[in-house]
Amino acid sequence: MHAISLLRKFVPFLAVLAVSKASIISSDSSDASCTLTASGGDDAPQFLAATTSCSTVTIPAGTTLNIETRLNMTGRSNLNINLQGTIRFNPDIPYWTGNAFFIPFQTQITFWLLGGENIVLSGGGTLDGAGQAWYDAFASNSTLLRPIILTLNQATHATVENIRMINSPEWFNLVNECNDVTFNNITINAVSTSKNFISNTDGWDIYRSDSVTIENSVINNGDDCVSFKPNSTNILVSNLQCNGSHGISVGYALTLSFSVMLSTVRNRSLGQFAGVFDIVQNVTAINIKISNAENGARIKAFAGSGVGSGHVQNITFLNFAETKVDNPVVIDQCYETAAAACAEFPSNVIIQDIFFNGISGTGSGSQVASLACSPDGRCSDINVNNLKLTGAGGKTTYACQNVALAGNSASLFGTCATT
């Protein structure tokens, strides 16, 4: 008992040692400020300790924190992380694959959980995922789980702004079970220096979250620029430049080998699983530039036997400028479902009140728009206005099926096929 008592006395002292590399500027714990310097080893312990001791934590310009162990900063309140320098996640693949935080949704892992109330991450600095080692390892092991750089987890009133994010091993940002979150002036860049692709480097994935704003940002990546996943509501995305992406997507998919598809059997796309009801509602994406991309403005959902259900409603894609995009405008309500199966078992994800307005630019093929709804009236109030798209090779085509289109560009599609 005496030994236990002594240990309890030393616990606060040990916590102070953990921030030995931090300078505590103020003694008032309610507004204390910590300035961190690199320790030469793993800087995760001092970073974690500083966020419990200080309301403002500064990583100065010229300082690189080396993060070798996972960061759990959930349950914080009134925390300002002033990142002027760099936070770099050490690419120790064996450690992270065994110790990163597991996210059951889509079988993900993450370096960093940040959550609580009144959280700010800003300062003009850099989050570095050191992704090259991961890109190369994934090329030879397609079952490899790769970490997300930043996961906002159960955060309320959170702001991430004026931050550069580079070379995430997989997704850059996951917004999970959050409310009232803003991302502003974020630069995202994923580049491989080898022949191996920067697979699944989504800019943002939003899941079970309400009132999220993403604005004034530049994204160069290898997957969705922004993806609205199940139970994403009241979302504004504005003034983005997306290069090399899979576009602005309602619904989603991972680019995976068949073996990984078998292991990631949770919520790959809207309406995939029996007994699960997915909602994406009240989303506006406005003033978006998309170039060298697979998709532009896209909605997709499953059909077929034994799948789930859901509701996609009040989605507006407004003022998109697209350059060299394979599929500039897309609805696919029979996603990964054979035509015969979709006809027999139409999608149970109802799509309605959709607006594709003011979308211009060039496709990489002749077909610039495909609005393919499931049979049996599963799409309604689909509006197309002021579409000014040009296909490649001097030919431009618009396609549609199982939908009655409204708007001043409806005539571009002709008579929609019925299946």
Protein backbone atom coordinates (compact mmCIF):
# COMPACT_ATOMS: atom_id res chain seq x y z
CA MET A 1 0.00 0.00 0.00
CA HIS A 2 2.88 2.34 0.83
CA ALA A 3 4.34 1.71 -2.64
CA ILE A 4 1.00 2.52 -4.28
CA SER A 5 0.76 5.72 -2.26
CA LEU A 6 4.23 6.79 -3.38
CA LEU A 7 3.36 6.03 -7.01
CA ARG A 8 0.26 8.22 -6.79
CA LYS A 9 2.36 11.07 -5.45
CA PHE A 10 4.75 10.77 -8.36
CA VAL A 11 2.11 10.65 -11.14
CA PRO A 12 1.75 14.47 -11.37
CA PHE A 13 5.54 14.79 -11.39
CA LEU A 14 5.80 12.29 -14.23
CA ALA A 15 3.21 14.28 -16.19
CA VAL A 16 5.36 17.40 -15.80
CA LEU A 17 8.39 15.46 -17.04
CA ALA A 18 6.40 14.56 -20.16
CA VAL A 19 6.30 18.24 -21.09
CA SER A 20 9.88 18.93 -20.14
CA LYS A 21 10.56 20.22 -23.64
CA ALA A 22 7.62 22.64 -23.44
CA SER A 23 7.83 26.16 -22.11
CA ILE A 24 4.75 27.08 -20.05
CA ILE A 25 4.37 30.81 -20.61
CA SER A 26 1.49 31.47 -18.19
CA SER A 27 0.86 29.91 -14.78
CA ASP A 28 -2.92 30.32 -15.02
CA SER A 29 -4.12 26.87 -16.14
CA SER A 30 -7.23 28.38 -17.78
CA ASP A 31 -5.14 30.29 -20.34
CA ALA A 32 -1.66 28.79 -20.03
CA SER A 33 0.45 28.72 -23.17
CA CYS A 34 2.99 26.05 -24.06
CA THR A 35 5.67 26.36 -26.71
CA LEU A 36 7.12 23.06 -27.88
CA THR A 37 10.57 22.27 -29.19
CA ALA A 38 11.75 19.05 -30.82
CA SER A 39 13.11 16.51 -28.33
CA GLY A 40 15.20 14.51 -30.75
CA GLY A 41 13.02 11.47 -30.07
CA ASP A 42 9.29 10.83 -29.99
CA ASP A 43 7.52 14.15 -29.47
CA ALA A 44 4.03 12.65 -29.06
CA PRO A 45 4.17 12.46 -25.22
CA GLN A 46 5.10 16.12 -24.76
CA PHE A 47 2.52 17.21 -27.34
CA LEU A 48 -0.23 15.22 -25.60
CA ALA A 49 0.76 16.51 -22.16
CA ALA A 50 0.85 20.10 -23.37
CA THR A 51 -2.75 19.88 -24.64
CA THR A 52 -3.92 18.86 -21.19
CA SER A 53 -1.89 21.57 -19.40
CA CYS A 54 -2.27 24.55 -21.70
CA SER A 55 -5.11 26.19 -23.60
CA THR A 56 -2.70 27.32 -26.34
CA VAL A 57 0.00 25.02 -27.66
CA THR A 58 2.47 26.49 -30.14
CA ILE A 59 4.79 24.59 -32.46
CA PRO A 60 7.06 27.41 -33.68
CA ALA A 61 8.16 27.96 -37.26
CA GLY A 62 11.28 25.94 -37.97
CA THR A 63 10.32 23.25 -35.44
CA THR A 64 9.40 19.73 -36.57
CA LEU A 65 7.71 17.50 -34.03
CA ASN A 66 8.50 13.85 -34.69
CA ILE A 67 5.41 11.77 -33.88
CA GLU A 68 6.24 8.11 -33.33
CA THR A 69 3.24 7.09 -31.20
CA ARG A 70 -0.46 7.75 -31.59
CA LEU A 71 -2.16 10.98 -30.52
CA ASN A 72 -5.43 10.77 -28.58
CA MET A 73 -6.63 14.34 -28.03
CA THR A 74 -10.32 13.61 -27.59
CA GLY A 75 -12.44 15.29 -24.94
CA ARG A 76 -10.45 18.53 -25.01
CA SER A 77 -12.11 21.91 -24.57
CA ASN A 78 -11.08 25.45 -25.46
CA LEU A 79 -7.86 24.23 -27.06
CA ASN A 80 -5.87 26.25 -29.61
CA ILE A 81 -3.10 24.39 -31.42
CA ASN A 82 -0.95 27.04 -33.09
CA LEU A 83 0.95 25.02 -35.67
CA GLN A 84 3.53 27.29 -37.26
CA GLY A 85 6.11 24.57 -37.85
CA THR A 86 5.62 20.90 -38.82
CA ILE A 87 4.07 17.81 -37.28
CA ARG A 88 5.55 14.75 -39.02
CA PHE A 89 4.29 11.22 -38.48
CA ASN A 90 7.24 8.85 -38.49
CA PRO A 91 6.63 6.14 -41.15
CA ASP A 92 7.21 3.15 -38.86
CA ILE A 93 4.80 0.87 -40.69
CA PRO A 94 4.92 -2.08 -38.22
CA TYR A 95 4.16 0.24 -35.29
CA TRP A 96 1.27 2.09 -36.88
CA THR A 97 -0.40 -1.00 -38.36
CA GLY A 98 -0.51 -2.48 -34.86
CA ASN A 99 -1.16 0.63 -32.79
CA ALA A 100 -2.95 3.35 -34.76
CA PHE A 101 -6.53 4.05 -33.69
CA PHE A 102 -8.97 1.71 -35.43
CA ILE A 103 -11.99 3.25 -37.18
CA PRO A 104 -14.62 0.53 -37.87
CA PHE A 105 -16.14 2.60 -40.68
CA GLN A 106 -14.57 1.31 -43.89
CA THR A 107 -11.89 -0.45 -41.82
CA GLN A 108 -9.67 2.57 -41.35
CA ILE A 109 -6.89 3.56 -38.97
CA THR A 110 -5.71 7.01 -37.95
CA PHE A 111 -2.62 8.67 -36.48
CA TRP A 112 -4.51 11.36 -34.60
CA LEU A 113 -7.89 11.70 -32.88
CA LEU A 114 -8.78 15.32 -32.09
CA GLY A 115 -12.08 16.13 -30.44
CA GLY A 116 -14.02 17.97 -27.80
CA GLU A 117 -15.50 21.46 -27.76
CA ASN A 118 -14.11 24.75 -29.07
CA ILE A 119 -11.02 23.34 -30.80
CA VAL A 120 -8.82 25.37 -33.17
CA LEU A 121 -5.94 24.03 -35.25
CA SER A 122 -4.28 26.78 -37.27
CA GLY A 123 -1.06 28.71 -37.69
CA GLY A 124 0.18 28.28 -41.25
CA GLY A 125 2.22 25.13 -40.56
CA THR A 126 2.32 21.63 -42.00
CA LEU A 127 0.99 18.16 -41.21
CA ASP A 128 3.29 15.66 -42.91
CA GLY A 129 2.09 12.07 -43.26
CA ALA A 130 5.41 10.87 -44.73
CA GLY A 131 3.35 8.85 -47.17
CA GLN A 132 5.97 7.66 -49.62
CA ALA A 133 6.90 4.60 -47.56
CA TRP A 134 3.21 3.76 -47.35
CA TYR A 135 2.58 4.19 -51.09
CA ASP A 136 5.46 1.84 -51.85
CA ALA A 137 4.41 -0.73 -49.22
CA PHE A 138 0.78 -0.71 -50.40
CA ALA A 139 1.91 -1.43 -53.96
CA SER A 140 3.22 -4.80 -52.81
CA ASN A 141 0.63 -5.47 -50.07
CA SER A 142 -2.89 -4.41 -50.97
CA THR A 143 -4.24 -5.51 -47.56
CA LEU A 144 -2.12 -2.91 -45.76
CA LEU A 145 -4.14 -0.54 -43.55
CA ARG A 146 -2.80 3.00 -43.89
CA PRO A 147 -3.44 5.83 -41.41
CA ILE A 148 -5.49 8.98 -41.87
CA ILE A 149 -3.49 12.09 -40.93
CA LEU A 150 -6.24 13.83 -38.94
CA THR A 151 -9.54 12.55 -37.58
CA LEU A 152 -11.87 15.06 -35.97
CA ASN A 153 -13.74 12.76 -33.62
CA GLN A 154 -16.86 13.88 -31.75
CA ALA A 155 -15.81 17.52 -32.06
CA THR A 156 -18.20 20.44 -31.59
CA HIS A 157 -17.36 24.00 -32.66
CA ALA A 158 -14.03 23.07 -34.25
CA THR A 159 -11.98 25.03 -36.78
CA VAL A 160 -9.03 23.88 -38.87
CA GLU A 161 -7.58 26.66 -40.98
CA ASN A 162 -4.44 27.96 -42.62
CA ILE A 163 -2.80 24.53 -42.59
CA ARG A 164 -0.82 22.61 -45.21
CA MET A 165 -1.25 18.83 -45.33
CA ILE A 166 1.16 16.70 -47.35
CA ASN A 167 1.52 13.04 -48.31
CA SER A 168 -1.07 11.35 -46.17
CA PRO A 169 -0.73 7.55 -46.31
CA GLU A 170 -4.46 7.37 -47.10
CA TRP A 171 -7.30 9.84 -46.39
CA PHE A 172 -6.21 13.29 -45.27
CA ASN A 173 -9.23 14.15 -43.11
CA LEU A 174 -12.05 12.17 -41.53
CA VAL A 175 -14.85 14.13 -39.87
CA ASN A 176 -16.49 11.57 -37.59
CA GLU A 177 -19.56 12.25 -35.44
CA CYS A 178 -18.96 16.00 -35.35
CA ASN A 179 -21.11 19.11 -35.25
CA ASP A 180 -20.28 22.65 -36.39
CA VAL A 181 -16.89 22.13 -37.99
CA THR A 182 -15.10 24.50 -40.39
CA PHE A 183 -12.06 23.89 -42.59
CA ASN A 184 -10.71 27.03 -44.24
CA ASN A 185 -7.66 27.74 -46.38
CA ILE A 186 -6.29 24.20 -46.38
CA THR A 187 -3.68 23.09 -48.91
CA ILE A 188 -3.59 19.35 -49.54
CA ASN A 189 -0.87 17.76 -51.64
CA ALA A 190 -0.06 14.09 -52.20
CA VAL A 191 2.78 13.26 -54.57
CA SER A 192 4.60 9.98 -55.09
CA THR A 193 8.28 10.09 -56.00
CA SER A 194 8.16 6.50 -57.25
CA LYS A 195 6.01 4.69 -59.80
CA ASN A 196 3.54 3.73 -57.04
CA PHE A 197 0.24 5.57 -56.94
CA ILE A 198 -1.10 7.74 -54.11
CA SER A 199 -4.15 5.49 -53.68
CA ASN A 200 -7.19 6.54 -51.60
CA THR A 201 -5.80 9.92 -50.61
CA ASP A 202 -9.23 11.54 -50.16
CA GLY A 203 -9.20 15.18 -49.13
CA TRP A 204 -12.17 14.96 -46.75
CA ASP A 205 -14.54 12.18 -45.77
CA ILE A 206 -17.58 13.23 -43.75
CA TYR A 207 -19.41 10.60 -41.71
CA ARG A 208 -22.24 10.93 -39.18
CA SER A 209 -21.66 14.67 -38.95
CA ASP A 210 -23.79 17.80 -39.18
CA SER A 211 -23.03 21.41 -40.11
CA VAL A 212 -19.64 21.07 -41.78
CA THR A 213 -18.05 23.79 -43.94
CA ILE A 214 -15.03 23.24 -46.20
CA GLU A 215 -13.91 26.35 -48.07
CA ASN A 216 -11.13 28.24 -49.83
CA SER A 217 -8.82 25.27 -50.29
CA VAL A 218 -6.55 23.63 -52.86
CA ILE A 219 -6.41 19.86 -53.19
CA ASN A 220 -4.01 17.77 -55.28
CA ASN A 221 -4.65 14.12 -54.55
CA GLY A 222 -5.55 10.69 -55.87
CA ASP A 223 -9.14 10.07 -54.80
CA ASP A 224 -12.29 11.98 -53.80
CA CYS A 225 -11.75 15.67 -53.26
CA VAL A 226 -14.65 15.63 -50.78
CA SER A 227 -16.86 12.61 -50.06
CA PHE A 228 -20.19 12.76 -48.23
CA LYS A 229 -20.61 9.43 -46.50
CA PRO A 230 -23.59 8.10 -44.53
CA ASN A 231 -25.44 10.55 -42.30
CA SER A 232 -23.77 13.70 -43.59
CA THR A 233 -26.18 16.63 -43.22
CA ASN A 234 -26.09 20.40 -43.70
CA ILE A 235 -22.77 20.61 -45.52
CA LEU A 236 -21.29 23.56 -47.42
CA VAL A 237 -18.30 23.08 -49.72
CA SER A 238 -17.13 26.21 -51.51
CA ASN A 239 -14.24 27.71 -53.44
CA LEU A 240 -12.16 24.57 -53.90
CA GLN A 241 -9.59 23.69 -56.54
CA CYS A 242 -9.40 19.92 -56.98
CA ASN A 243 -6.75 18.33 -59.19
CA GLY A 244 -6.30 14.66 -59.98
CA SER A 245 -9.25 13.64 -57.84
CA HIS A 246 -12.42 11.58 -58.06
CA GLY A 247 -14.48 14.72 -57.67
CA ILE A 248 -17.14 15.89 -55.22
CA SER A 249 -18.95 12.67 -54.34
CA VAL A 250 -22.17 11.72 -52.64
CA GLY A 251 -21.40 8.07 -51.98
CA TYR A 252 -17.97 6.65 -52.38
CA ALA A 253 -15.76 3.66 -53.08
CA LEU A 254 -12.27 2.56 -52.22
CA THR A 255 -9.88 1.63 -55.00
CA LEU A 256 -9.01 -1.79 -53.62
CA SER A 257 -8.01 -5.24 -54.68
CA PHE A 258 -10.63 -7.99 -54.45
CA SER A 259 -9.04 -9.40 -51.29
CA VAL A 260 -9.37 -6.07 -49.54
CA MET A 261 -12.96 -5.67 -50.73
CA LEU A 262 -13.76 -8.89 -48.90
CA SER A 263 -12.24 -7.54 -45.71
CA THR A 264 -13.84 -4.07 -45.85
CA VAL A 265 -17.47 -5.04 -45.72
CA ARG A 266 -18.83 -2.03 -43.86
CA ASN A 267 -20.45 0.88 -45.65
CA ARG A 268 -18.49 1.00 -48.90
CA SER A 269 -21.25 3.06 -50.46
CA LEU A 270 -24.74 4.34 -49.85
CA GLY A 271 -27.35 1.62 -49.44
CA GLN A 272 -24.95 -1.28 -49.60
CA PHE A 273 -25.89 -3.28 -46.53
CA ALA A 274 -29.22 -4.81 -45.52
CA GLY A 275 -30.78 -3.19 -42.48
CA VAL A 276 -28.71 0.00 -42.78
CA PHE A 277 -30.41 3.30 -43.68
CA ASP A 278 -28.02 5.96 -45.02
CA ILE A 279 -28.79 9.68 -45.24
CA VAL A 280 -27.02 12.47 -47.11
CA GLN A 281 -29.07 15.64 -46.94
CA ASN A 282 -28.79 19.39 -47.46
CA VAL A 283 -25.43 19.58 -49.23
CA THR A 284 -24.25 22.53 -51.33
CA ALA A 285 -21.01 22.47 -53.34
CA ILE A 286 -20.43 25.85 -54.99
CA ASN A 287 -17.63 27.45 -57.00
CA ILE A 288 -15.55 24.33 -57.55
CA LYS A 289 -12.71 23.91 -60.06
CA ILE A 290 -11.95 20.29 -60.98
CA SER A 291 -9.18 19.25 -63.36
CA ASN A 292 -7.54 16.02 -64.54
CA ALA A 293 -10.11 14.04 -62.61
CA GLU A 294 -12.11 10.86 -62.84
CA ASN A 295 -15.37 12.53 -61.79
CA GLY A 296 -16.82 15.98 -61.31
CA ALA A 297 -20.19 16.22 -59.54
CA ARG A 298 -21.27 12.70 -58.60
CA ILE A 299 -23.98 10.77 -56.75
CA LYS A 300 -23.95 6.99 -56.48
CA ALA A 301 -25.86 4.32 -54.60
CA PHE A 302 -26.32 0.56 -54.59
CA ALA A 303 -29.19 -1.50 -55.96
CA GLY A 304 -29.71 -5.26 -56.15
CA SER A 305 -30.83 -8.02 -53.83
CA GLY A 306 -30.10 -7.90 -50.12
CA VAL A 307 -28.85 -4.32 -49.98
CA GLY A 308 -29.72 -1.44 -47.68
CA SER A 309 -31.70 1.74 -48.09
CA GLY A 310 -31.41 5.45 -47.65
CA HIS A 311 -32.26 8.97 -48.71
CA VAL A 312 -30.21 11.49 -50.69
CA GLN A 313 -32.05 14.81 -50.71
CA ASN A 314 -31.46 18.47 -51.45
CA ILE A 315 -28.04 18.28 -53.08
CA THR A 316 -26.82 21.27 -55.11
CA PHE A 317 -23.77 21.32 -57.37
CA LEU A 318 -23.39 24.95 -58.44
CA ASN A 319 -20.81 26.72 -60.62
CA PHE A 320 -18.38 23.91 -61.38
CA ALA A 321 -15.57 24.58 -63.86
CA GLU A 322 -14.20 21.26 -65.09
CA THR A 323 -11.15 20.50 -67.24
CA LYS A 324 -10.25 17.07 -68.60
CA VAL A 325 -12.71 15.19 -66.41
CA ASP A 326 -13.74 11.64 -67.37
CA ASN A 327 -17.28 11.93 -65.99
CA PRO A 328 -18.22 15.58 -65.38
CA VAL A 329 -21.82 14.95 -64.21
CA VAL A 330 -22.92 11.61 -62.73
CA ILE A 331 -25.82 9.88 -61.05
CA ASP A 332 -25.31 6.12 -60.76
CA GLN A 333 -28.16 4.56 -58.80
CA CYS A 334 -27.20 1.05 -59.88
CA TYR A 335 -23.65 1.31 -58.60
CA GLU A 336 -21.73 -1.97 -58.99
CA THR A 337 -25.05 -3.66 -59.83
CA ALA A 338 -25.75 -5.49 -63.10
CA ALA A 339 -28.54 -4.00 -65.21
CA ALA A 340 -30.74 -7.09 -64.87
CA ALA A 341 -30.34 -7.14 -61.09
CA CYS A 342 -31.06 -3.41 -60.87
CA ALA A 343 -34.24 -3.86 -62.92
CA GLU A 344 -35.40 -6.69 -60.66
CA PHE A 345 -34.27 -5.07 -57.41
CA PRO A 346 -34.23 -1.27 -57.83
CA SER A 347 -32.24 0.86 -55.46
CA ASN A 348 -33.75 1.56 -52.06
CA VAL A 349 -31.74 4.77 -51.77
CA ILE A 350 -34.22 7.42 -52.86
CA ILE A 351 -32.60 10.38 -54.66
CA GLN A 352 -34.57 13.62 -54.89
CA ASP A 353 -34.25 17.39 -55.09
CA ILE A 354 -30.94 17.39 -56.94
CA PHE A 355 -29.54 20.41 -58.80
CA PHE A 356 -26.69 20.39 -61.32
CA ASN A 357 -26.49 24.10 -62.12
CA GLY A 358 -23.89 26.10 -63.98
CA ILE A 359 -21.47 23.27 -64.79
CA SER A 360 -19.06 24.01 -67.62
CA GLY A 361 -15.81 22.76 -69.09
CA THR A 362 -14.39 19.77 -70.91
CA GLY A 363 -14.64 16.03 -70.62
CA SER A 364 -11.88 13.61 -71.48
CA GLY A 365 -14.34 11.54 -73.51
CA SER A 366 -17.38 12.26 -75.63
CA GLN A 367 -19.96 11.59 -72.88
CA VAL A 368 -20.06 14.54 -70.49
CA ALA A 369 -23.08 13.64 -68.37
CA SER A 370 -24.73 10.39 -67.30
CA LEU A 371 -27.81 10.50 -65.09
CA ALA A 372 -28.59 6.82 -64.65
CA CYS A 373 -31.35 6.23 -62.12
CA SER A 374 -32.69 2.91 -60.95
CA PRO A 375 -36.03 1.76 -62.38
CA ASP A 376 -39.36 2.23 -60.59
CA GLY A 377 -39.21 5.98 -59.95
CA ARG A 378 -36.36 6.03 -57.45
CA CYS A 379 -35.15 9.48 -58.63
CA SER A 380 -37.31 12.60 -58.60
CA ASP A 381 -36.92 16.36 -59.01
CA ILE A 382 -33.59 16.10 -60.84
CA ASN A 383 -32.72 19.53 -62.23
CA VAL A 384 -30.12 20.50 -64.84
CA ASN A 385 -29.52 24.14 -65.67
CA ASN A 386 -26.90 26.01 -67.66
CA LEU A 387 -24.76 23.01 -68.52
CA LYS A 388 -21.99 24.00 -70.92
CA LEU A 389 -19.82 20.95 -71.34
CA THR A 390 -17.75 19.90 -74.34
CA GLY A 391 -16.64 16.35 -75.05
CA ALA A 392 -13.38 15.18 -76.57
CA GLY A 393 -12.79 14.44 -80.23
CA GLY A 394 -15.39 16.90 -81.47
CA LYS A 395 -18.31 14.91 -80.04
CA THR A 396 -20.44 15.71 -77.00
CA THR A 397 -23.13 13.38 -75.66
CA TYR A 398 -25.49 13.43 -72.70
CA ALA A 399 -27.14 10.25 -71.39
CA CYS A 400 -29.98 9.52 -68.97
CA GLN A 401 -32.27 6.70 -67.91
CA ASN A 402 -35.29 6.21 -65.68
CA VAL A 403 -35.59 9.88 -64.82
CA ALA A 404 -37.69 12.89 -65.77
CA LEU A 405 -35.35 15.87 -65.98
CA ALA A 406 -36.27 19.48 -65.36
CA GLY A 407 -34.39 22.67 -66.13
CA ASN A 408 -33.16 24.61 -69.14
CA SER A 409 -30.54 21.96 -70.04
CA ALA A 410 -32.92 19.00 -69.99
CA SER A 411 -33.20 19.02 -73.78
CA LEU A 412 -29.50 18.20 -74.08
CA PHE A 413 -30.27 14.69 -72.79
CA GLY A 414 -33.03 13.96 -75.28
CA THR A 415 -35.44 11.16 -74.32
CA CYS A 416 -34.22 9.23 -71.32
CA ALA A 417 -34.01 5.47 -71.70
CA THR A 418 -36.28 3.21 -69.66
CA THR A 419 -34.91 -0.02 -68.24
